[in-house]
Amino acid sequence: MDTSSNPTPPTRRRHRKPSEDPMFGFRNVLNIIFMVLAVVGVVIYLCADNSTIGVYVILAAMVFKMVECCLRMLH
């Protein structure tokens, strides 16, 4: 075990800059769609007499977010 006073820092995985990631723009669009649908779904859920439509809109928003997360993890 090395107990020197100046150990080397652990190596870290460097992330790509957003400008180098070809999927960055597409993922941003998916995130914007998710946020808009989520807000609209909550408004519909809270304001409508039948909240089922709001639940469906929120579920559709979650699909967009899952796609974005999968793209981020698989890339």
Protein backbone atom coordinates (compact mmCIF):
# COMPACT_ATOMS: atom_id res chain seq x y z
CA MET A 1 0.00 0.00 0.00
CA ASP A 2 1.36 3.38 -1.03
CA THR A 3 1.25 5.92 1.78
CA SER A 4 3.08 8.75 0.05
CA SER A 5 1.95 12.30 0.75
CA ASN A 6 1.06 13.01 -2.88
CA PRO A 7 -0.93 10.08 -4.27
CA THR A 8 -2.15 10.23 -7.84
CA PRO A 9 -5.79 11.19 -8.19
CA PRO A 10 -8.16 8.48 -9.36
CA THR A 11 -8.79 8.38 -13.08
CA ARG A 12 -12.20 9.60 -14.07
CA ARG A 13 -14.25 8.98 -17.13
CA ARG A 14 -14.41 12.15 -19.15
CA HIS A 15 -17.79 12.97 -20.58
CA ARG A 16 -18.15 14.34 -24.04
CA LYS A 17 -18.94 17.98 -24.43
CA PRO A 18 -22.51 18.59 -25.64
CA SER A 19 -21.17 19.89 -28.95
CA GLU A 20 -19.42 16.54 -29.56
CA ASP A 21 -22.49 14.41 -28.80
CA PRO A 22 -24.48 13.82 -32.01
CA MET A 23 -27.65 12.94 -30.05
CA PHE A 24 -27.58 16.04 -27.83
CA GLY A 25 -30.06 18.05 -29.91
CA PHE A 26 -32.44 15.14 -30.36
CA ARG A 27 -32.37 14.41 -26.63
CA ASN A 28 -33.11 18.07 -25.90
CA VAL A 29 -36.15 17.93 -28.18
CA LEU A 30 -37.36 14.79 -26.40
CA ASN A 31 -36.91 16.51 -23.03
CA ILE A 32 -38.87 19.56 -24.18
CA ILE A 33 -41.70 17.34 -25.42
CA PHE A 34 -41.67 15.50 -22.09
CA MET A 35 -41.85 18.71 -20.05
CA VAL A 36 -44.67 20.20 -22.11
CA LEU A 37 -46.73 17.00 -22.03
CA ALA A 38 -46.15 16.56 -18.30
CA VAL A 39 -47.34 20.09 -17.50
CA VAL A 40 -50.34 19.77 -19.82
CA GLY A 41 -51.18 16.38 -18.32
CA VAL A 42 -51.11 17.71 -14.77
CA VAL A 43 -53.28 20.68 -15.72
CA ILE A 44 -55.79 18.40 -17.43
CA TYR A 45 -55.71 15.99 -14.49
CA LEU A 46 -56.40 18.73 -11.95
CA CYS A 47 -58.93 20.76 -13.95
CA ALA A 48 -60.98 18.22 -15.89
CA ASP A 49 -64.00 16.40 -14.55
CA ASN A 50 -62.70 13.15 -15.99
CA SER A 51 -59.05 12.81 -14.94
CA THR A 52 -58.42 9.75 -17.13
CA ILE A 53 -57.32 11.88 -20.08
CA GLY A 54 -54.78 13.66 -17.88
CA VAL A 55 -53.35 10.32 -16.79
CA TYR A 56 -53.00 9.24 -20.41
CA VAL A 57 -51.19 12.47 -21.31
CA ILE A 58 -48.80 12.01 -18.38
CA LEU A 59 -48.14 8.40 -19.45
CA ALA A 60 -47.38 9.60 -22.99
CA ALA A 61 -44.91 12.12 -21.52
CA MET A 62 -43.23 9.32 -19.58
CA VAL A 63 -42.72 7.36 -22.81
CA PHE A 64 -40.76 10.28 -24.27
CA LYS A 65 -38.65 10.50 -21.12
CA MET A 66 -37.91 6.76 -21.19
CA VAL A 67 -36.79 7.00 -24.80
CA GLU A 68 -34.48 9.89 -23.90
CA CYS A 69 -33.04 7.97 -20.95
CA CYS A 70 -32.44 4.89 -23.09
CA LEU A 71 -30.63 6.99 -25.69
CA ARG A 72 -28.45 8.52 -22.98
CA MET A 73 -27.58 5.16 -21.42
CA LEU A 74 -26.95 3.29 -24.65
CA HIS A 75 -24.82 6.02 -26.17
